[in-house]
């Protein structure tokens, strides 16, 4: 089954929408607007590759967040597999947060 570039983009947007509903338990902002998601690569064969980081390398919620990303992204139509890769390069800092996140945290 071949997908058009538009269908791939639509699925990637749906993945972003799902990620915007996953919150870091310690910060009242979703992981996407926090800037924790570095890359979403959805392939025509239904694999969602997600590169993301954590606010700190020793984040106690790492396993929870990875499992939540996997569980929620699997619900997106067309996604057959989710591969979540945690990376720490580049290290996360508040410069990666969206304007919405900065406003929500009173940092803007």
N, C-alpha and C. Protein backbone atom coordinates (compact mmCIF):
# COMPACT_ATOMS: atom_id res chain seq x y z
N UNK A 1 0.84 -1.19 0.00
CA UNK A 1 0.00 0.00 0.00
C UNK A 1 0.88 1.25 0.00
N UNK A 2 0.75 2.03 -1.03
CA UNK A 2 1.56 3.23 -1.15
C UNK A 2 0.80 4.44 -0.63
N UNK A 3 1.52 5.33 0.03
CA UNK A 3 0.91 6.55 0.57
C UNK A 3 1.46 7.75 -0.17
N UNK A 4 0.60 8.74 -0.36
CA UNK A 4 1.06 9.98 -0.98
C UNK A 4 1.78 10.82 0.08
N UNK A 5 2.61 11.75 -0.36
CA UNK A 5 3.26 12.64 0.62
C UNK A 5 2.23 13.38 1.48
N UNK A 6 1.07 13.70 0.90
CA UNK A 6 0.03 14.39 1.65
C UNK A 6 -0.52 13.50 2.76
N UNK A 7 -0.70 12.21 2.47
CA UNK A 7 -1.20 11.27 3.48
C UNK A 7 -0.19 11.10 4.61
N UNK A 8 1.09 11.08 4.24
CA UNK A 8 2.14 10.98 5.26
C UNK A 8 2.11 12.22 6.15
N UNK A 9 2.01 13.40 5.54
CA UNK A 9 1.95 14.65 6.31
C UNK A 9 0.73 14.69 7.22
N UNK A 10 -0.40 14.22 6.72
CA UNK A 10 -1.63 14.18 7.53
C UNK A 10 -1.43 13.30 8.75
N UNK A 11 -0.84 12.13 8.53
CA UNK A 11 -0.59 11.22 9.65
C UNK A 11 0.39 11.84 10.64
N UNK A 12 1.43 12.51 10.15
CA UNK A 12 2.39 13.16 11.05
C UNK A 12 1.71 14.26 11.86
N UNK A 13 0.78 15.00 11.24
CA UNK A 13 0.03 16.03 11.98
C UNK A 13 -0.83 15.39 13.06
N UNK A 14 -1.44 14.24 12.75
CA UNK A 14 -2.24 13.53 13.75
C UNK A 14 -1.37 13.04 14.90
N UNK A 15 -0.16 12.62 14.59
CA UNK A 15 0.78 12.20 15.64
C UNK A 15 1.12 13.40 16.53
N UNK A 16 1.37 14.56 15.92
CA UNK A 16 1.65 15.77 16.70
C UNK A 16 0.46 16.08 17.62
N UNK A 17 -0.76 15.98 17.08
CA UNK A 17 -1.95 16.26 17.90
C UNK A 17 -2.01 15.33 19.11
N UNK A 18 -1.67 14.05 18.90
CA UNK A 18 -1.66 13.09 20.00
C UNK A 18 -0.58 13.47 21.02
N UNK A 19 0.60 13.85 20.53
CA UNK A 19 1.70 14.20 21.43
C UNK A 19 1.36 15.45 22.25
N UNK A 20 0.53 16.33 21.70
CA UNK A 20 0.13 17.54 22.43
C UNK A 20 -0.84 17.22 23.56
N UNK A 21 -1.27 15.96 23.67
CA UNK A 21 -2.14 15.54 24.77
C UNK A 21 -1.40 14.71 25.80
N UNK A 22 -0.08 14.62 25.67
CA UNK A 22 0.74 13.89 26.63
C UNK A 22 1.53 14.92 27.43
N UNK A 23 1.36 14.87 28.75
CA UNK A 23 1.98 15.87 29.61
C UNK A 23 3.08 15.27 30.45
N UNK A 24 4.15 16.04 30.61
CA UNK A 24 5.17 15.67 31.57
C UNK A 24 4.51 15.77 32.94
N UNK A 25 4.53 14.72 33.74
CA UNK A 25 3.82 14.74 35.03
C UNK A 25 4.31 15.82 35.98
N UNK A 26 5.52 16.30 35.77
CA UNK A 26 6.07 17.30 36.68
C UNK A 26 5.89 18.74 36.19
N UNK A 27 5.48 18.90 34.94
CA UNK A 27 5.33 20.23 34.35
C UNK A 27 3.98 20.28 33.64
N UNK A 28 3.15 21.28 33.91
CA UNK A 28 1.80 21.31 33.32
C UNK A 28 1.75 21.76 31.86
N UNK A 29 2.67 21.23 31.05
CA UNK A 29 2.74 21.56 29.62
C UNK A 29 2.97 20.26 28.87
N UNK A 30 2.37 20.15 27.68
CA UNK A 30 2.53 18.91 26.92
C UNK A 30 3.97 18.76 26.39
N UNK A 31 4.33 17.50 26.11
CA UNK A 31 5.72 17.21 25.73
C UNK A 31 6.11 17.84 24.39
N UNK A 32 5.12 18.06 23.51
CA UNK A 32 5.43 18.66 22.21
C UNK A 32 5.79 20.14 22.39
N UNK A 33 4.94 20.88 23.11
CA UNK A 33 5.20 22.30 23.32
C UNK A 33 6.40 22.54 24.24
N UNK A 34 6.72 21.55 25.08
CA UNK A 34 7.94 21.66 25.89
C UNK A 34 9.19 21.57 25.04
N UNK A 35 9.04 21.06 23.82
CA UNK A 35 10.20 20.91 22.94
C UNK A 35 10.94 19.60 23.15
N UNK A 36 10.26 18.63 23.78
CA UNK A 36 10.90 17.35 24.04
C UNK A 36 10.93 16.44 22.81
N UNK A 37 10.05 16.72 21.84
CA UNK A 37 10.00 15.90 20.62
C UNK A 37 10.89 16.54 19.57
N UNK A 38 11.96 15.86 19.22
CA UNK A 38 12.92 16.40 18.25
C UNK A 38 12.55 16.05 16.81
N UNK A 39 11.99 14.86 16.61
CA UNK A 39 11.73 14.44 15.24
C UNK A 39 10.61 13.41 15.21
N UNK A 40 9.73 13.55 14.21
CA UNK A 40 8.70 12.56 13.93
C UNK A 40 8.89 12.15 12.48
N UNK A 41 9.13 10.88 12.27
CA UNK A 41 9.31 10.38 10.92
C UNK A 41 8.35 9.21 10.73
N UNK A 42 7.31 9.47 9.96
CA UNK A 42 6.32 8.43 9.69
C UNK A 42 6.59 7.86 8.30
N UNK A 43 6.76 6.56 8.22
CA UNK A 43 7.08 5.93 6.94
C UNK A 43 5.83 5.34 6.30
N UNK A 44 5.82 5.22 4.99
CA UNK A 44 4.65 4.70 4.28
C UNK A 44 4.23 3.29 4.72
N UNK A 45 5.13 2.55 5.34
CA UNK A 45 4.75 1.21 5.80
C UNK A 45 4.17 1.21 7.21
N UNK A 46 3.89 2.40 7.76
CA UNK A 46 3.17 2.50 9.01
C UNK A 46 4.02 2.57 10.27
N UNK A 47 5.31 2.88 10.11
CA UNK A 47 6.19 2.97 11.26
C UNK A 47 6.37 4.45 11.65
N UNK A 48 6.09 4.75 12.91
CA UNK A 48 6.30 6.10 13.43
C UNK A 48 7.58 6.09 14.26
N UNK A 49 8.62 6.74 13.74
CA UNK A 49 9.88 6.88 14.46
C UNK A 49 9.87 8.22 15.17
N UNK A 50 9.99 8.20 16.48
CA UNK A 50 9.93 9.44 17.25
C UNK A 50 11.21 9.58 18.05
N UNK A 51 11.93 10.66 17.77
CA UNK A 51 13.13 10.99 18.55
C UNK A 51 12.73 12.07 19.54
N UNK A 52 12.99 11.80 20.79
CA UNK A 52 12.62 12.78 21.81
C UNK A 52 13.66 12.76 22.93
N UNK A 53 13.55 13.75 23.79
CA UNK A 53 14.45 13.84 24.92
C UNK A 53 13.62 13.99 26.19
N UNK A 54 14.29 14.18 27.28
CA UNK A 54 13.65 14.40 28.57
C UNK A 54 14.19 15.71 29.14
N UNK A 55 13.47 16.29 30.09
CA UNK A 55 13.94 17.55 30.67
C UNK A 55 15.25 17.35 31.44
N UNK A 56 15.49 16.13 31.90
CA UNK A 56 16.73 15.79 32.60
C UNK A 56 17.07 14.33 32.32
N UNK A 57 18.36 14.01 32.15
CA UNK A 57 18.75 12.63 31.85
C UNK A 57 18.27 11.61 32.90
N UNK A 58 18.15 12.04 34.13
CA UNK A 58 17.73 11.12 35.19
C UNK A 58 16.25 11.26 35.53
N UNK A 59 15.47 11.73 34.57
CA UNK A 59 14.03 11.94 34.77
C UNK A 59 13.38 10.64 35.28
N UNK A 60 12.74 10.71 36.45
CA UNK A 60 12.12 9.51 37.01
C UNK A 60 10.90 9.05 36.21
N UNK A 61 10.39 9.90 35.35
CA UNK A 61 9.20 9.57 34.58
C UNK A 61 9.52 9.10 33.16
N UNK A 62 10.78 8.81 32.89
CA UNK A 62 11.20 8.43 31.53
C UNK A 62 10.40 7.24 31.00
N UNK A 63 10.34 6.17 31.78
CA UNK A 63 9.63 4.97 31.32
C UNK A 63 8.15 5.26 31.07
N UNK A 64 7.55 6.05 31.98
CA UNK A 64 6.14 6.42 31.82
C UNK A 64 5.93 7.19 30.52
N UNK A 65 6.77 8.18 30.26
CA UNK A 65 6.60 9.00 29.06
C UNK A 65 6.78 8.19 27.78
N UNK A 66 7.79 7.33 27.75
CA UNK A 66 8.02 6.50 26.56
C UNK A 66 6.82 5.59 26.33
N UNK A 67 6.32 4.97 27.39
CA UNK A 67 5.16 4.07 27.27
C UNK A 67 3.92 4.83 26.81
N UNK A 68 3.73 6.03 27.35
CA UNK A 68 2.56 6.85 26.98
C UNK A 68 2.64 7.28 25.52
N UNK A 69 3.82 7.71 25.07
CA UNK A 69 3.99 8.08 23.66
C UNK A 69 3.67 6.87 22.78
N UNK A 70 4.23 5.72 23.12
CA UNK A 70 4.00 4.51 22.34
C UNK A 70 2.51 4.17 22.30
N UNK A 71 1.87 4.13 23.45
CA UNK A 71 0.45 3.75 23.54
C UNK A 71 -0.44 4.71 22.75
N UNK A 72 -0.22 6.01 22.92
CA UNK A 72 -1.10 7.00 22.28
C UNK A 72 -0.87 7.08 20.77
N UNK A 73 0.38 7.04 20.33
CA UNK A 73 0.67 7.14 18.89
C UNK A 73 0.14 5.89 18.17
N UNK A 74 0.15 4.73 18.84
CA UNK A 74 -0.39 3.51 18.22
C UNK A 74 -1.87 3.65 17.88
N UNK A 75 -2.56 4.59 18.53
CA UNK A 75 -3.99 4.80 18.29
C UNK A 75 -4.26 5.59 17.00
N UNK A 76 -3.22 6.21 16.43
CA UNK A 76 -3.39 7.00 15.21
C UNK A 76 -3.62 6.05 14.04
N UNK A 77 -4.64 6.34 13.25
CA UNK A 77 -4.98 5.49 12.10
C UNK A 77 -3.79 5.36 11.15
N UNK A 78 -3.46 4.15 10.79
CA UNK A 78 -2.36 3.90 9.86
C UNK A 78 -1.05 3.56 10.53
N UNK A 79 -0.94 3.84 11.84
CA UNK A 79 0.31 3.53 12.54
C UNK A 79 0.28 2.07 12.95
N UNK A 80 1.30 1.33 12.49
CA UNK A 80 1.40 -0.10 12.80
C UNK A 80 2.48 -0.38 13.84
N UNK A 81 3.44 0.53 13.92
CA UNK A 81 4.54 0.35 14.87
C UNK A 81 5.04 1.71 15.31
N UNK A 82 5.44 1.81 16.57
CA UNK A 82 6.00 3.06 17.10
C UNK A 82 7.37 2.74 17.69
N UNK A 83 8.37 3.48 17.23
CA UNK A 83 9.72 3.34 17.77
C UNK A 83 10.07 4.67 18.42
N UNK A 84 10.25 4.64 19.74
CA UNK A 84 10.59 5.84 20.49
C UNK A 84 12.06 5.76 20.86
N UNK A 85 12.82 6.76 20.42
CA UNK A 85 14.24 6.81 20.74
C UNK A 85 14.48 8.01 21.65
N UNK A 86 15.02 7.75 22.83
CA UNK A 86 15.36 8.84 23.75
C UNK A 86 16.80 9.25 23.47
N UNK A 87 17.00 10.54 23.23
CA UNK A 87 18.34 11.07 22.95
C UNK A 87 18.61 12.26 23.87
N UNK A 88 19.87 12.52 24.13
CA UNK A 88 20.24 13.66 24.97
C UNK A 88 21.18 14.61 24.25
N UNK A 89 21.19 14.49 22.92
CA UNK A 89 22.01 15.38 22.11
C UNK A 89 21.14 15.90 20.98
N UNK A 90 20.82 17.17 20.91
CA UNK A 90 21.26 18.19 21.85
C UNK A 90 20.51 18.10 23.18
N UNK A 91 21.15 18.53 24.27
CA UNK A 91 20.45 18.53 25.56
C UNK A 91 19.29 19.52 25.54
N UNK A 92 18.21 19.16 26.20
CA UNK A 92 17.04 20.01 26.25
C UNK A 92 17.31 21.23 27.12
N UNK A 93 16.79 22.38 26.70
CA UNK A 93 16.75 23.55 27.57
C UNK A 93 15.51 24.36 27.23
N UNK A 94 15.22 25.35 28.05
CA UNK A 94 13.95 26.07 27.90
C UNK A 94 13.83 26.83 26.58
N UNK A 95 14.93 27.02 25.87
CA UNK A 95 14.88 27.67 24.56
C UNK A 95 14.09 26.84 23.54
N UNK A 96 13.91 25.56 23.82
CA UNK A 96 13.21 24.66 22.90
C UNK A 96 11.70 24.70 23.10
N UNK A 97 11.24 25.39 24.13
CA UNK A 97 9.81 25.44 24.43
C UNK A 97 9.09 26.37 23.48
N UNK A 98 7.85 26.02 23.16
CA UNK A 98 7.04 26.87 22.31
C UNK A 98 6.60 28.11 23.09
N UNK A 99 6.14 29.10 22.36
CA UNK A 99 5.63 30.31 23.00
C UNK A 99 4.47 29.97 23.94
N UNK A 100 3.62 29.03 23.53
CA UNK A 100 2.48 28.61 24.37
C UNK A 100 2.97 28.04 25.69
N UNK A 101 4.03 27.21 25.63
CA UNK A 101 4.58 26.61 26.85
C UNK A 101 5.16 27.68 27.76
N UNK A 102 5.91 28.60 27.18
CA UNK A 102 6.51 29.67 27.99
C UNK A 102 5.43 30.51 28.67
N UNK A 103 4.35 30.80 27.92
CA UNK A 103 3.26 31.58 28.52
C UNK A 103 2.57 30.78 29.62
N UNK A 104 2.33 29.50 29.40
CA UNK A 104 1.66 28.65 30.39
C UNK A 104 2.44 28.58 31.69
N UNK A 105 3.75 28.66 31.59
CA UNK A 105 4.59 28.57 32.77
C UNK A 105 4.98 29.94 33.31
N UNK A 106 4.42 31.01 32.72
CA UNK A 106 4.70 32.36 33.18
C UNK A 106 6.12 32.79 32.91
N UNK A 107 6.72 32.26 31.85
CA UNK A 107 8.11 32.58 31.54
C UNK A 107 8.25 33.54 30.37
N UNK A 108 7.12 34.06 29.89
CA UNK A 108 7.16 34.94 28.73
C UNK A 108 6.65 36.31 29.10
